N, C-alpha and C. Protein backbone atom coordinates (compact mmCIF):
# COMPACT_ATOMS: atom_id res chain seq x y z
N MET A 1 62.28 -47.99 -16.14
CA MET A 1 61.41 -47.50 -17.19
C MET A 1 62.19 -47.47 -18.50
N SER A 2 61.54 -47.84 -19.56
CA SER A 2 62.20 -47.75 -20.86
C SER A 2 61.17 -47.36 -21.91
N GLY A 3 61.65 -46.80 -22.98
CA GLY A 3 60.78 -46.44 -24.09
C GLY A 3 59.96 -45.19 -23.87
N GLY A 4 60.23 -44.45 -22.83
CA GLY A 4 59.48 -43.23 -22.57
C GLY A 4 60.03 -42.05 -23.34
N ILE A 5 59.22 -41.01 -23.42
CA ILE A 5 59.62 -39.77 -24.06
C ILE A 5 59.40 -38.63 -23.08
N ALA A 6 60.36 -37.75 -22.99
CA ALA A 6 60.22 -36.55 -22.16
C ALA A 6 60.60 -35.34 -23.00
N TYR A 7 59.84 -34.29 -22.86
CA TYR A 7 60.14 -33.04 -23.55
C TYR A 7 60.69 -32.06 -22.53
N VAL A 8 61.81 -31.44 -22.86
CA VAL A 8 62.46 -30.51 -21.93
C VAL A 8 62.65 -29.17 -22.62
N TYR A 9 62.16 -28.13 -21.98
CA TYR A 9 62.38 -26.77 -22.47
C TYR A 9 63.77 -26.34 -22.01
N ASP A 10 64.66 -26.11 -22.96
CA ASP A 10 66.06 -25.82 -22.64
C ASP A 10 66.53 -24.62 -23.47
N PRO A 11 66.03 -23.42 -23.17
CA PRO A 11 66.35 -22.26 -24.00
C PRO A 11 67.83 -21.87 -23.99
N LYS A 12 68.56 -22.26 -22.96
CA LYS A 12 69.99 -21.93 -22.90
C LYS A 12 70.86 -23.06 -23.44
N ASP A 13 70.23 -24.14 -23.91
CA ASP A 13 70.94 -25.27 -24.53
C ASP A 13 72.03 -25.83 -23.61
N LYS A 14 71.69 -26.05 -22.35
CA LYS A 14 72.67 -26.55 -21.37
C LYS A 14 72.37 -27.97 -20.89
N LEU A 15 71.24 -28.52 -21.29
CA LEU A 15 70.86 -29.84 -20.77
C LEU A 15 71.91 -30.90 -21.08
N GLU A 16 72.42 -30.90 -22.28
CA GLU A 16 73.39 -31.93 -22.67
C GLU A 16 74.62 -31.91 -21.78
N GLN A 17 75.16 -30.75 -21.50
CA GLN A 17 76.38 -30.68 -20.68
C GLN A 17 76.11 -30.97 -19.21
N LEU A 18 74.86 -30.88 -18.79
CA LEU A 18 74.51 -31.13 -17.39
C LEU A 18 73.96 -32.54 -17.15
N SER A 19 73.93 -33.37 -18.21
CA SER A 19 73.28 -34.67 -18.12
C SER A 19 74.26 -35.83 -18.20
N ASN A 20 73.85 -36.96 -17.63
CA ASN A 20 74.58 -38.21 -17.78
C ASN A 20 74.01 -38.91 -19.01
N LEU A 21 74.67 -38.77 -20.13
CA LEU A 21 74.15 -39.28 -21.40
C LEU A 21 74.30 -40.79 -21.54
N ASP A 22 74.83 -41.46 -20.52
CA ASP A 22 74.86 -42.93 -20.53
C ASP A 22 73.49 -43.50 -20.21
N THR A 23 72.60 -42.67 -19.69
CA THR A 23 71.30 -43.17 -19.25
C THR A 23 70.15 -42.83 -20.20
N PHE A 24 70.37 -41.94 -21.15
CA PHE A 24 69.31 -41.58 -22.09
C PHE A 24 69.91 -40.87 -23.30
N GLU A 25 69.10 -40.69 -24.33
CA GLU A 25 69.51 -40.00 -25.55
C GLU A 25 68.79 -38.67 -25.65
N LEU A 26 69.48 -37.69 -26.19
CA LEU A 26 68.87 -36.39 -26.45
C LEU A 26 68.67 -36.21 -27.94
N GLU A 27 67.53 -35.67 -28.31
CA GLU A 27 67.27 -35.33 -29.71
C GLU A 27 66.56 -33.99 -29.73
N LYS A 28 66.91 -33.17 -30.69
CA LYS A 28 66.20 -31.90 -30.86
C LYS A 28 64.88 -32.17 -31.55
N LEU A 29 63.88 -31.41 -31.17
CA LEU A 29 62.55 -31.54 -31.76
C LEU A 29 62.54 -30.72 -33.05
N GLU A 30 62.65 -31.40 -34.19
CA GLU A 30 62.79 -30.70 -35.47
C GLU A 30 61.69 -31.03 -36.47
N ILE A 31 61.04 -32.16 -36.32
CA ILE A 31 59.99 -32.54 -37.27
C ILE A 31 58.74 -31.74 -36.95
N GLU A 32 58.21 -31.04 -37.94
CA GLU A 32 57.08 -30.13 -37.72
C GLU A 32 55.87 -30.84 -37.12
N GLU A 33 55.61 -32.09 -37.52
CA GLU A 33 54.48 -32.84 -36.97
C GLU A 33 54.66 -33.07 -35.47
N ASP A 34 55.88 -33.34 -35.04
CA ASP A 34 56.16 -33.53 -33.62
C ASP A 34 55.99 -32.22 -32.85
N VAL A 35 56.43 -31.13 -33.44
CA VAL A 35 56.27 -29.82 -32.80
C VAL A 35 54.78 -29.52 -32.63
N ASP A 36 53.99 -29.77 -33.66
CA ASP A 36 52.55 -29.53 -33.60
C ASP A 36 51.88 -30.40 -32.53
N GLU A 37 52.29 -31.66 -32.44
CA GLU A 37 51.72 -32.57 -31.44
C GLU A 37 52.04 -32.08 -30.02
N LEU A 38 53.26 -31.62 -29.82
CA LEU A 38 53.65 -31.12 -28.50
C LEU A 38 52.86 -29.86 -28.14
N LYS A 39 52.65 -28.98 -29.10
CA LYS A 39 51.86 -27.78 -28.85
C LYS A 39 50.42 -28.15 -28.48
N LEU A 40 49.87 -29.16 -29.14
CA LEU A 40 48.52 -29.62 -28.83
C LEU A 40 48.45 -30.20 -27.42
N LEU A 41 49.43 -31.00 -27.06
CA LEU A 41 49.48 -31.57 -25.71
C LEU A 41 49.57 -30.47 -24.65
N GLU A 42 50.34 -29.45 -24.94
CA GLU A 42 50.51 -28.35 -24.00
C GLU A 42 49.18 -27.63 -23.77
N LYS A 43 48.41 -27.46 -24.82
CA LYS A 43 47.13 -26.76 -24.71
C LYS A 43 46.09 -27.57 -23.96
N THR A 44 46.16 -28.89 -24.04
CA THR A 44 45.13 -29.74 -23.45
C THR A 44 45.44 -30.17 -22.02
N THR A 45 46.59 -29.80 -21.51
CA THR A 45 46.92 -30.20 -20.13
C THR A 45 47.00 -29.01 -19.21
């Protein structure tokens, strides 16, 4: 699989240290439009 997006709730900020970063990239969700879209997806599922 390639080109996918996954959102991970990581309140303790430990995902990066527990992950094999050779297989994917991590980015913080900082753009307000993206945050709003994720909140909308959460409400509709």
